[in-house]
Every structure is written in C-alpha cells, then in structure tokens.
Amino acid sequence: MSDPTNDRMSQLRNLLDSDPHDAFCMYGIAMEHAKTGAHEEAIAWFDRTMETDPAYCYAWFHKARSQESMGNQAGAIQTLEDGIEQAKSLGDQHAADEMGGFLQSIL
C-alpha cells in the first residue's frame, strides 16, 4: 500500500516542475512537511511561497506555527507581526485576525 503523504508530495512536486512559480504547490509542499514534523523543510518552503507570492497570507501563519513548534518563539512572533502587516496592507482582515489570535496565544 502506498503512503498518501508521499503520493501527495510527488504530485505537488510534479505540478511544481510544470510551473515553477506556482505558490499553491509550494504552500502544499510546505504543509506536507509541517504535517510530518519536518519543520525546517516546511519553513524553507513557506519562505519560497512568500517570496513567490507575498499575498499568500496563510504561508506566514503556518511558518510561524512551524517556528513555534521548533521552540523558536521569537521567530514566530516576528513572522506573525510581519504577516499581520502584510495581510492588512492587502486588505485581508480575516488572515490578519487569525495571525493576531495566534500571536496573542504565544505571547
């Protein structure tokens, strides 16, 4: 029986190969890494997602979750503060509120 995580990861990587600027695929790869506890890999992919599409607000949120899971509270706080500023500048109040709630929970 095949491993669904590996299947999703290879599907995402194949999609990314066909469109190297697909932030959705990058975000998906980051989330797969985060789900398996590979937070350093996840953070690198969240960073790639944000570099490709700074408007991908949930990449900021989940990057901070990975940072916090690794015990990097200061990094998570900085990521959330930057992400909230980014979300507000884009008019994405929902993302800003979610990041703000997470920020309050770790302060």
PDB file of N, CA and C in Angstrom:
ATOM      1  N   MET A   1       0.844  -1.186   0.000  1.00  0.00           N
ATOM      2  CA  MET A   1       0.000   0.000   0.000  1.00  0.00           C
ATOM      3  C   MET A   1       0.884   1.242   0.000  1.00  0.00           C
ATOM      4  N   SER A   2       0.532   2.237  -0.797  1.00  0.00           N
ATOM      5  CA  SER A   2       1.376   3.428  -0.895  1.00  0.00           C
ATOM      6  C   SER A   2       1.060   4.409   0.231  1.00  0.00           C
ATOM      7  N   ASP A   3       2.039   5.225   0.522  1.00  0.00           N
ATOM      8  CA  ASP A   3       1.921   6.242   1.570  1.00  0.00           C
ATOM      9  C   ASP A   3       1.269   7.490   0.970  1.00  0.00           C
ATOM     10  N   PRO A   4       0.084   7.883   1.471  1.00  0.00           N
ATOM     11  CA  PRO A   4      -0.606   9.045   0.895  1.00  0.00           C
ATOM     12  C   PRO A   4       0.203  10.331   0.975  1.00  0.00           C
ATOM     13  N   THR A   5       1.028  10.486   2.028  1.00  0.00           N
ATOM     14  CA  THR A   5       1.834  11.698   2.144  1.00  0.00           C
ATOM     15  C   THR A   5       2.850  11.757   1.017  1.00  0.00           C
ATOM     16  N   ASN A   6       3.520  10.631   0.749  1.00  0.00           N
ATOM     17  CA  ASN A   6       4.498  10.607  -0.342  1.00  0.00           C
ATOM     18  C   ASN A   6       3.823  10.814  -1.689  1.00  0.00           C
ATOM     19  N   ASP A   7       2.631  10.253  -1.854  1.00  0.00           N
ATOM     20  CA  ASP A   7       1.880  10.438  -3.101  1.00  0.00           C
ATOM     21  C   ASP A   7       1.548  11.912  -3.307  1.00  0.00           C
ATOM     22  N   ARG A   8       1.045  12.564  -2.257  1.00  0.00           N
ATOM     23  CA  ARG A   8       0.717  13.995  -2.366  1.00  0.00           C
ATOM     24  C   ARG A   8       1.975  14.806  -2.659  1.00  0.00           C
ATOM     25  N   MET A   9       3.048  14.466  -1.973  1.00  0.00           N
ATOM     26  CA  MET A   9       4.298  15.202  -2.154  1.00  0.00           C
ATOM     27  C   MET A   9       4.789  15.053  -3.591  1.00  0.00           C
ATOM     28  N   SER A  10       4.750  13.836  -4.140  1.00  0.00           N
ATOM     29  CA  SER A  10       5.234  13.679  -5.511  1.00  0.00           C
ATOM     30  C   SER A  10       4.293  14.356  -6.503  1.00  0.00           C
ATOM     31  N   GLN A  11       2.996  14.342  -6.247  1.00  0.00           N
ATOM     32  CA  GLN A  11       2.059  15.058  -7.123  1.00  0.00           C
ATOM     33  C   GLN A  11       2.355  16.558  -7.099  1.00  0.00           C
ATOM     34  N   LEU A  12       2.565  17.092  -5.897  1.00  0.00           N
ATOM     35  CA  LEU A  12       2.858  18.523  -5.772  1.00  0.00           C
ATOM     36  C   LEU A  12       4.169  18.881  -6.454  1.00  0.00           C
ATOM     37  N   ARG A  13       5.179  18.034  -6.274  1.00  0.00           N
ATOM     38  CA  ARG A  13       6.475  18.304  -6.911  1.00  0.00           C
ATOM     39  C   ARG A  13       6.355  18.240  -8.441  1.00  0.00           C
ATOM     40  N   ASN A  14       5.569  17.295  -8.950  1.00  0.00           N
ATOM     41  CA  ASN A  14       5.351  17.213 -10.397  1.00  0.00           C
ATOM     42  C   ASN A  14       4.654  18.460 -10.912  1.00  0.00           C
ATOM     43  N   LEU A  15       3.634  18.919 -10.185  1.00  0.00           N
ATOM     44  CA  LEU A  15       2.943  20.154 -10.574  1.00  0.00           C
ATOM     45  C   LEU A  15       3.897  21.335 -10.554  1.00  0.00           C
ATOM     46  N   LEU A  16       4.745  21.392  -9.529  1.00  0.00           N
ATOM     47  CA  LEU A  16       5.695  22.497  -9.408  1.00  0.00           C
ATOM     48  C   LEU A  16       6.718  22.451 -10.539  1.00  0.00           C
ATOM     49  N   ASP A  17       7.121  21.238 -10.931  1.00  0.00           N
ATOM     50  CA  ASP A  17       8.045  21.112 -12.065  1.00  0.00           C
ATOM     51  C   ASP A  17       7.449  21.711 -13.329  1.00  0.00           C
ATOM     52  N   SER A  18       6.134  21.540 -13.513  1.00  0.00           N
ATOM     53  CA  SER A  18       5.497  22.068 -14.719  1.00  0.00           C
ATOM     54  C   SER A  18       5.235  23.568 -14.617  1.00  0.00           C
ATOM     55  N   ASP A  19       5.174  24.100 -13.402  1.00  0.00           N
ATOM     56  CA  ASP A  19       5.012  25.548 -13.199  1.00  0.00           C
ATOM     57  C   ASP A  19       5.800  25.966 -11.963  1.00  0.00           C
ATOM     58  N   PRO A  20       7.091  26.298 -12.153  1.00  0.00           N
ATOM     59  CA  PRO A  20       7.982  26.608 -11.014  1.00  0.00           C
ATOM     60  C   PRO A  20       7.578  27.828 -10.190  1.00  0.00           C
ATOM     61  N   HIS A  21       6.588  28.582 -10.665  1.00  0.00           N
ATOM     62  CA  HIS A  21       6.158  29.784  -9.933  1.00  0.00           C
ATOM     63  C   HIS A  21       4.783  29.594  -9.295  1.00  0.00           C
ATOM     64  N   ASP A  22       4.389  28.363  -9.085  1.00  0.00           N
ATOM     65  CA  ASP A  22       3.075  28.051  -8.530  1.00  0.00           C
ATOM     66  C   ASP A  22       3.142  28.080  -6.997  1.00  0.00           C
ATOM     67  N   ALA A  23       2.734  29.205  -6.427  1.00  0.00           N
ATOM     68  CA  ALA A  23       2.799  29.377  -4.966  1.00  0.00           C
ATOM     69  C   ALA A  23       1.906  28.362  -4.256  1.00  0.00           C
ATOM     70  N   PHE A  24       0.790  27.973  -4.870  1.00  0.00           N
ATOM     71  CA  PHE A  24      -0.106  26.991  -4.268  1.00  0.00           C
ATOM     72  C   PHE A  24       0.620  25.661  -4.064  1.00  0.00           C
ATOM     73  N   CYS A  25       1.397  25.240  -5.049  1.00  0.00           N
ATOM     74  CA  CYS A  25       2.163  23.986  -4.916  1.00  0.00           C
ATOM     75  C   CYS A  25       3.235  24.114  -3.837  1.00  0.00           C
ATOM     76  N   MET A  26       3.919  25.249  -3.811  1.00  0.00           N
ATOM     77  CA  MET A  26       4.950  25.470  -2.792  1.00  0.00           C
ATOM     78  C   MET A  26       4.335  25.401  -1.396  1.00  0.00           C
ATOM     79  N   TYR A  27       3.200  26.051  -1.243  1.00  0.00           N
ATOM     80  CA  TYR A  27       2.486  26.041   0.038  1.00  0.00           C
ATOM     81  C   TYR A  27       2.074  24.620   0.403  1.00  0.00           C
ATOM     82  N   GLY A  28       1.587  23.865  -0.561  1.00  0.00           N
ATOM     83  CA  GLY A  28       1.200  22.477  -0.321  1.00  0.00           C
ATOM     84  C   GLY A  28       2.374  21.626   0.121  1.00  0.00           C
ATOM     85  N   ILE A  29       3.526  21.810  -0.515  1.00  0.00           N
ATOM     86  CA  ILE A  29       4.730  21.073  -0.122  1.00  0.00           C
ATOM     87  C   ILE A  29       5.124  21.454   1.303  1.00  0.00           C
ATOM     88  N   ALA A  30       5.066  22.739   1.609  1.00  0.00           N
ATOM     89  CA  ALA A  30       5.383  23.202   2.972  1.00  0.00           C
ATOM     90  C   ALA A  30       4.453  22.555   3.992  1.00  0.00           C
ATOM     91  N   MET A  31       3.155  22.515   3.676  1.00  0.00           N
ATOM     92  CA  MET A  31       2.183  21.926   4.602  1.00  0.00           C
ATOM     93  C   MET A  31       2.429  20.430   4.799  1.00  0.00           C
ATOM     94  N   GLU A  32       2.802  19.720   3.729  1.00  0.00           N
ATOM     95  CA  GLU A  32       3.111  18.288   3.853  1.00  0.00           C
ATOM     96  C   GLU A  32       4.304  18.091   4.787  1.00  0.00           C
ATOM     97  N   HIS A  33       5.329  18.927   4.641  1.00  0.00           N
ATOM     98  CA  HIS A  33       6.491  18.839   5.538  1.00  0.00           C
ATOM     99  C   HIS A  33       6.077  19.129   6.982  1.00  0.00           C
ATOM    100  N   ALA A  34       5.259  20.160   7.174  1.00  0.00           N
ATOM    101  CA  ALA A  34       4.821  20.526   8.527  1.00  0.00           C
ATOM    102  C   ALA A  34       4.038  19.382   9.161  1.00  0.00           C
ATOM    103  N   LYS A  35       3.176  18.727   8.373  1.00  0.00           N
ATOM    104  CA  LYS A  35       2.367  17.616   8.902  1.00  0.00           C
ATOM    105  C   LYS A  35       3.220  16.473   9.416  1.00  0.00           C
ATOM    106  N   THR A  36       4.381  16.270   8.778  1.00  0.00           N
ATOM    107  CA  THR A  36       5.249  15.161   9.191  1.00  0.00           C
ATOM    108  C   THR A  36       6.278  15.597  10.227  1.00  0.00           C
ATOM    109  N   GLY A  37       6.213  16.870  10.654  1.00  0.00           N
ATOM    110  CA  GLY A  37       7.141  17.354  11.680  1.00  0.00           C
ATOM    111  C   GLY A  37       8.475  17.808  11.127  1.00  0.00           C
ATOM    112  N   ALA A  38       8.607  17.879   9.806  1.00  0.00           N
ATOM    113  CA  ALA A  38       9.852  18.355   9.183  1.00  0.00           C
ATOM    114  C   ALA A  38       9.767  19.885   9.073  1.00  0.00           C
ATOM    115  N   HIS A  39       9.841  20.541  10.236  1.00  0.00           N
ATOM    116  CA  HIS A  39       9.565  21.982  10.292  1.00  0.00           C
ATOM    117  C   HIS A  39      10.607  22.844   9.583  1.00  0.00           C
ATOM    118  N   GLU A  40      11.885  22.429   9.607  1.00  0.00           N
ATOM    119  CA  GLU A  40      12.892  23.228   8.900  1.00  0.00           C
ATOM    120  C   GLU A  40      12.606  23.246   7.406  1.00  0.00           C
ATOM    121  N   GLU A  41      12.272  22.068   6.850  1.00  0.00           N
ATOM    122  CA  GLU A  41      11.895  21.984   5.438  1.00  0.00           C
ATOM    123  C   GLU A  41      10.638  22.812   5.180  1.00  0.00           C
ATOM    124  N   ALA A  42       9.667  22.683   6.076  1.00  0.00           N
ATOM    125  CA  ALA A  42       8.415  23.431   5.922  1.00  0.00           C
ATOM    126  C   ALA A  42       8.687  24.928   5.868  1.00  0.00           C
ATOM    127  N   ILE A  43       9.496  25.415   6.796  1.00  0.00           N
ATOM    128  CA  ILE A  43       9.806  26.851   6.849  1.00  0.00           C
ATOM    129  C   ILE A  43      10.458  27.305   5.551  1.00  0.00           C
ATOM    130  N   ALA A  44      11.385  26.505   5.021  1.00  0.00           N
ATOM    131  CA  ALA A  44      12.049  26.863   3.760  1.00  0.00           C
ATOM    132  C   ALA A  44      11.022  26.971   2.632  1.00  0.00           C
ATOM    133  N   TRP A  45      10.050  26.053   2.604  1.00  0.00           N
ATOM    134  CA  TRP A  45       9.019  26.093   1.556  1.00  0.00           C
ATOM    135  C   TRP A  45       8.025  27.226   1.795  1.00  0.00           C
ATOM    136  N   PHE A  46       7.707  27.521   3.048  1.00  0.00           N
ATOM    137  CA  PHE A  46       6.841  28.680   3.313  1.00  0.00           C
ATOM    138  C   PHE A  46       7.543  29.956   2.847  1.00  0.00           C
ATOM    139  N   ASP A  47       8.855  30.045   3.103  1.00  0.00           N
ATOM    140  CA  ASP A  47       9.616  31.214   2.650  1.00  0.00           C
ATOM    141  C   ASP A  47       9.564  31.335   1.127  1.00  0.00           C
ATOM    142  N   ARG A  48       9.729  30.215   0.432  1.00  0.00           N
ATOM    143  CA  ARG A  48       9.658  30.229  -1.034  1.00  0.00           C
ATOM    144  C   ARG A  48       8.283  30.691  -1.500  1.00  0.00           C
ATOM    145  N   THR A  49       7.248  30.210  -0.800  1.00  0.00           N
ATOM    146  CA  THR A  49       5.881  30.608  -1.150  1.00  0.00           C
ATOM    147  C   THR A  49       5.728  32.120  -1.027  1.00  0.00           C
ATOM    148  N   MET A  50       6.208  32.679   0.090  1.00  0.00           N
ATOM    149  CA  MET A  50       6.057  34.118   0.335  1.00  0.00           C
ATOM    150  C   MET A  50       6.896  34.951  -0.631  1.00  0.00           C
ATOM    151  N   GLU A  51       8.068  34.428  -1.024  1.00  0.00           N
ATOM    152  CA  GLU A  51       8.887  35.155  -1.996  1.00  0.00           C
ATOM    153  C   GLU A  51       8.189  35.184  -3.355  1.00  0.00           C
ATOM    154  N   THR A  52       7.545  34.074  -3.706  1.00  0.00           N
ATOM    155  CA  THR A  52       6.860  33.964  -4.988  1.00  0.00           C
ATOM    156  C   THR A  52       5.570  34.774  -5.001  1.00  0.00           C
ATOM    157  N   ASP A  53       4.827  34.707  -3.889  1.00  0.00           N
ATOM    158  CA  ASP A  53       3.537  35.407  -3.795  1.00  0.00           C
ATOM    159  C   ASP A  53       3.361  35.956  -2.387  1.00  0.00           C
ATOM    160  N   PRO A  54       3.839  37.192  -2.137  1.00  0.00           N
ATOM    161  CA  PRO A  54       3.743  37.774  -0.795  1.00  0.00           C
ATOM    162  C   PRO A  54       2.306  37.886  -0.284  1.00  0.00           C
ATOM    163  N   ALA A  55       1.326  37.785  -1.181  1.00  0.00           N
ATOM    164  CA  ALA A  55      -0.074  37.878  -0.777  1.00  0.00           C
ATOM    165  C   ALA A  55      -0.606  36.547  -0.228  1.00  0.00           C
ATOM    166  N   TYR A  56       0.222  35.512  -0.224  1.00  0.00           N
ATOM    167  CA  TYR A  56      -0.207  34.209   0.290  1.00  0.00           C
ATOM    168  C   TYR A  56      -0.128  34.241   1.814  1.00  0.00           C
ATOM    169  N   CYS A  57      -1.099  34.914   2.438  1.00  0.00           N
ATOM    170  CA  CYS A  57      -1.042  35.230   3.868  1.00  0.00           C
ATOM    171  C   CYS A  57      -0.945  34.003   4.776  1.00  0.00           C
ATOM    172  N   TYR A  58      -1.564  32.905   4.392  1.00  0.00           N
ATOM    173  CA  TYR A  58      -1.531  31.749   5.287  1.00  0.00           C
ATOM    174  C   TYR A  58      -0.159  31.095   5.353  1.00  0.00           C
ATOM    175  N   ALA A  59       0.712  31.403   4.401  1.00  0.00           N
ATOM    176  CA  ALA A  59       2.090  30.921   4.491  1.00  0.00           C
ATOM    177  C   ALA A  59       2.775  31.547   5.711  1.00  0.00           C
ATOM    178  N   TRP A  60       2.454  32.815   5.983  1.00  0.00           N
ATOM    179  CA  TRP A  60       3.023  33.494   7.155  1.00  0.00           C
ATOM    180  C   TRP A  60       2.545  32.795   8.433  1.00  0.00           C
ATOM    181  N   PHE A  61       1.251  32.543   8.484  1.00  0.00           N
ATOM    182  CA  PHE A  61       0.637  31.921   9.657  1.00  0.00           C
ATOM    183  C   PHE A  61       1.270  30.552   9.935  1.00  0.00           C
ATOM    184  N   HIS A  62       1.349  29.719   8.907  1.00  0.00           N
ATOM    185  CA  HIS A  62       1.847  28.357   9.110  1.00  0.00           C
ATOM    186  C   HIS A  62       3.362  28.319   9.296  1.00  0.00           C
ATOM    187  N   LYS A  63       4.071  29.267   8.718  1.00  0.00           N
ATOM    188  CA  LYS A  63       5.507  29.367   9.003  1.00  0.00           C
ATOM    189  C   LYS A  63       5.699  29.634  10.495  1.00  0.00           C
ATOM    190  N   ALA A  64       4.917  30.552  11.038  1.00  0.00           N
ATOM    191  CA  ALA A  64       5.014  30.865  12.467  1.00  0.00           C
ATOM    192  C   ALA A  64       4.671  29.634  13.310  1.00  0.00           C
ATOM    193  N   ARG A  65       3.686  28.850  12.887  1.00  0.00           N
ATOM    194  CA  ARG A  65       3.342  27.626  13.630  1.00  0.00           C
ATOM    195  C   ARG A  65       4.519  26.659  13.644  1.00  0.00           C
ATOM    196  N   SER A  66       5.197  26.516  12.506  1.00  0.00           N
ATOM    197  CA  SER A  66       6.367  25.634  12.454  1.00  0.00           C
ATOM    198  C   SER A  66       7.490  26.170  13.335  1.00  0.00           C
ATOM    199  N   GLN A  67       7.698  27.483  13.272  1.00  0.00           N
ATOM    200  CA  GLN A  67       8.740  28.085  14.118  1.00  0.00           C
ATOM    201  C   GLN A  67       8.431  27.838  15.593  1.00  0.00           C
ATOM    202  N   GLU A  68       7.184  28.032  15.964  1.00  0.00           N
ATOM    203  CA  GLU A  68       6.783  27.852  17.356  1.00  0.00           C
ATOM    204  C   GLU A  68       6.923  26.385  17.762  1.00  0.00           C
ATOM    205  N   SER A  69       6.605  25.475  16.864  1.00  0.00           N
ATOM    206  CA  SER A  69       6.750  24.041  17.142  1.00  0.00           C
ATOM    207  C   SER A  69       8.201  23.657  17.384  1.00  0.00           C
ATOM    208  N   MET A  70       9.118  24.392  16.760  1.00  0.00           N
ATOM    209  CA  MET A  70      10.548  24.130  16.934  1.00  0.00           C
ATOM    210  C   MET A  70      11.114  24.850  18.155  1.00  0.00           C
ATOM    211  N   GLY A  71      10.269  25.611  18.862  1.00  0.00           N
ATOM    212  CA  GLY A  71      10.742  26.331  20.041  1.00  0.00           C
ATOM    213  C   GLY A  71      11.305  27.701  19.722  1.00  0.00           C
ATOM    214  N   ASN A  72      11.098  28.176  18.494  1.00  0.00           N
ATOM    215  CA  ASN A  72      11.599  29.494  18.096  1.00  0.00           C
ATOM    216  C   ASN A  72      10.476  30.518  18.253  1.00  0.00           C
ATOM    217  N   GLN A  73      10.172  30.848  19.499  1.00  0.00           N
ATOM    218  CA  GLN A  73       9.070  31.772  19.773  1.00  0.00           C
ATOM    219  C   GLN A  73       9.349  33.162  19.202  1.00  0.00           C
ATOM    220  N   ALA A  74      10.574  33.640  19.351  1.00  0.00           N
ATOM    221  CA  ALA A  74      10.906  34.978  18.841  1.00  0.00           C
ATOM    222  C   ALA A  74      10.718  35.039  17.327  1.00  0.00           C
ATOM    223  N   GLY A  75      11.145  34.001  16.626  1.00  0.00           N
ATOM    224  CA  GLY A  75      10.968  33.955  15.173  1.00  0.00           C
ATOM    225  C   GLY A  75       9.505  33.912  14.800  1.00  0.00           C
ATOM    226  N   ALA A  76       8.722  33.127  15.543  1.00  0.00           N
ATOM    227  CA  ALA A  76       7.284  33.021  15.276  1.00  0.00           C
ATOM    228  C   ALA A  76       6.597  34.369  15.481  1.00  0.00           C
ATOM    229  N   ILE A  77       6.973  35.059  16.549  1.00  0.00           N
ATOM    230  CA  ILE A  77       6.378  36.375  16.833  1.00  0.00           C
ATOM    231  C   ILE A  77       6.706  37.346  15.701  1.00  0.00           C
ATOM    232  N   GLN A  78       7.965  37.355  15.261  1.00  0.00           N
ATOM    233  CA  GLN A  78       8.365  38.259  14.168  1.00  0.00           C
ATOM    234  C   GLN A  78       7.612  37.922  12.884  1.00  0.00           C
ATOM    235  N   THR A  79       7.507  36.628  12.576  1.00  0.00           N
ATOM    236  CA  THR A  79       6.788  36.207  11.369  1.00  0.00           C
ATOM    237  C   THR A  79       5.330  36.644  11.437  1.00  0.00           C
ATOM    238  N   LEU A  80       4.710  36.473  12.594  1.00  0.00           N
ATOM    239  CA  LEU A  80       3.304  36.866  12.746  1.00  0.00           C
ATOM    240  C   LEU A  80       3.139  38.379  12.623  1.00  0.00           C
ATOM    241  N   GLU A  81       4.032  39.136  13.249  1.00  0.00           N
ATOM    242  CA  GLU A  81       3.936  40.603  13.154  1.00  0.00           C
ATOM    243  C   GLU A  81       4.080  41.047  11.701  1.00  0.00           C
ATOM    244  N   ASP A  82       5.049  40.458  10.988  1.00  0.00           N
ATOM    245  CA  ASP A  82       5.234  40.795   9.572  1.00  0.00           C
ATOM    246  C   ASP A  82       4.027  40.347   8.748  1.00  0.00           C
ATOM    247  N   GLY A  83       3.518  39.152   9.050  1.00  0.00           N
ATOM    248  CA  GLY A  83       2.374  38.620   8.315  1.00  0.00           C
ATOM    249  C   GLY A  83       1.114  39.443   8.527  1.00  0.00           C
ATOM    250  N   ILE A  84       0.916  39.901   9.752  1.00  0.00           N
ATOM    251  CA  ILE A  84      -0.255  40.746  10.051  1.00  0.00           C
ATOM    252  C   ILE A  84      -0.170  42.051   9.256  1.00  0.00           C
ATOM    253  N   GLU A  85       1.010  42.644   9.244  1.00  0.00           N
ATOM    254  CA  GLU A  85       1.221  43.887   8.482  1.00  0.00           C
ATOM    255  C   GLU A  85       0.943  43.644   6.994  1.00  0.00           C
ATOM    256  N   GLN A  86       1.445  42.514   6.470  1.00  0.00           N
ATOM    257  CA  GLN A  86       1.238  42.169   5.063  1.00  0.00           C
ATOM    258  C   GLN A  86      -0.256  41.964   4.775  1.00  0.00           C
ATOM    259  N   ALA A  87      -0.924  41.204   5.629  1.00  0.00           N
ATOM    260  CA  ALA A  87      -2.350  40.920   5.429  1.00  0.00           C
ATOM    261  C   ALA A  87      -3.169  42.211   5.450  1.00  0.00           C
ATOM    262  N   LYS A  88      -2.857  43.090   6.404  1.00  0.00           N
ATOM    263  CA  LYS A  88      -3.591  44.361   6.484  1.00  0.00           C
ATOM    264  C   LYS A  88      -3.348  45.208   5.239  1.00  0.00           C
ATOM    265  N   SER A  89      -2.111  45.213   4.747  1.00  0.00           N
ATOM    266  CA  SER A  89      -1.813  46.016   3.552  1.00  0.00           C
ATOM    267  C   SER A  89      -2.556  45.479   2.333  1.00  0.00           C
ATOM    268  N   LEU A  90      -2.908  44.192   2.363  1.00  0.00           N
ATOM    269  CA  LEU A  90      -3.652  43.584   1.258  1.00  0.00           C
ATOM    270  C   LEU A  90      -5.158  43.622   1.486  1.00  0.00           C
ATOM    271  N   GLY A  91      -5.569  44.096   2.658  1.00  0.00           N
ATOM    272  CA  GLY A  91      -6.983  44.133   2.982  1.00  0.00           C
ATOM    273  C   GLY A  91      -7.557  42.782   3.391  1.00  0.00           C
ATOM    274  N   ASP A  92      -6.689  41.856   3.794  1.00  0.00           N
ATOM    275  CA  ASP A  92      -7.141  40.524   4.220  1.00  0.00           C
ATOM    276  C   ASP A  92      -7.283  40.508   5.742  1.00  0.00           C
ATOM    277  N   GLN A  93      -8.377  41.057   6.229  1.00  0.00           N
ATOM    278  CA  GLN A  93      -8.596  41.182   7.663  1.00  0.00           C
ATOM    279  C   GLN A  93      -8.743  39.827   8.332  1.00  0.00           C
ATOM    280  N   HIS A  94      -9.329  38.869   7.627  1.00  0.00           N
ATOM    281  CA  HIS A  94      -9.508  37.529   8.200  1.00  0.00           C
ATOM    282  C   HIS A  94      -8.148  36.904   8.533  1.00  0.00           C
ATOM    283  N   ALA A  95      -7.225  36.965   7.590  1.00  0.00           N
ATOM    284  CA  ALA A  95      -5.877  36.416   7.828  1.00  0.00           C
ATOM    285  C   ALA A  95      -5.186  37.190   8.945  1.00  0.00           C
ATOM    286  N   ALA A  96      -5.320  38.516   8.941  1.00  0.00           N
ATOM    287  CA  ALA A  96      -4.703  39.341   9.982  1.00  0.00           C
ATOM    288  C   ALA A  96      -5.253  38.963  11.356  1.00  0.00           C
ATOM    289  N   ASP A  97      -6.573  38.747  11.429  1.00  0.00           N
ATOM    290  CA  ASP A  97      -7.194  38.372  12.709  1.00  0.00           C
ATOM    291  C   ASP A  97      -6.717  37.003  13.177  1.00  0.00           C
ATOM    292  N   GLU A  98      -6.613  36.038  12.263  1.00  0.00           N
ATOM    293  CA  GLU A  98      -6.143  34.700  12.649  1.00  0.00           C
ATOM    294  C   GLU A  98      -4.708  34.756  13.151  1.00  0.00           C
ATOM    295  N   MET A  99      -3.859  35.507  12.444  1.00  0.00           N
ATOM    296  CA  MET A  99      -2.474  35.629  12.890  1.00  0.00           C
ATOM    297  C   MET A  99      -2.402  36.370  14.218  1.00  0.00           C
ATOM    298  N   GLY A 100      -3.256  37.383  14.387  1.00  0.00           N
ATOM    299  CA  GLY A 100      -3.300  38.115  15.652  1.00  0.00           C
ATOM    300  C   GLY A 100      -3.716  37.228  16.808  1.00  0.00           C
ATOM    301  N   GLY A 101      -4.675  36.346  16.571  1.00  0.00           N
ATOM    302  CA  GLY A 101      -5.109  35.405  17.609  1.00  0.00           C
ATOM    303  C   GLY A 101      -3.991  34.451  17.995  1.00  0.00           C
ATOM    304  N   PHE A 102      -3.268  33.955  16.989  1.00  0.00           N
ATOM    305  CA  PHE A 102      -2.152  33.059  17.269  1.00  0.00           C
ATOM    306  C   PHE A 102      -1.054  33.804  18.012  1.00  0.00           C
ATOM    307  N   LEU A 103      -0.787  35.030  17.579  1.00  0.00           N
ATOM    308  CA  LEU A 103       0.236  35.845  18.233  1.00  0.00           C
ATOM    309  C   LEU A 103      -0.115  36.012  19.729  1.00  0.00           C
ATOM    310  N   GLN A 104      -1.358  36.342  20.030  1.00  0.00           N
ATOM    311  CA  GLN A 104      -1.764  36.517  21.432  1.00  0.00           C
ATOM    312  C   GLN A 104      -1.587  35.231  22.217  1.00  0.00           C
ATOM    313  N   SER A 105      -1.796  34.092  21.563  1.00  0.00           N
ATOM    314  CA  SER A 105      -1.715  32.815  22.268  1.00  0.00           C
ATOM    315  C   SER A 105      -0.282  32.428  22.633  1.00  0.00           C
ATOM    316  N   ILE A 106       0.715  33.000  21.939  1.00  0.00           N
ATOM    317  CA  ILE A 106       2.104  32.630  22.242  1.00  0.00           C
ATOM    318  C   ILE A 106       2.876  33.721  22.964  1.00  0.00           C
ATOM    319  N   LEU A 107       2.262  34.885  23.130  1.00  0.00           N
ATOM    320  CA  LEU A 107       2.964  35.969  23.846  1.00  0.00           C
ATOM    321  C   LEU A 107       3.020  35.700  25.345  1.00  0.00           C
TER     322      LEU A 107
END
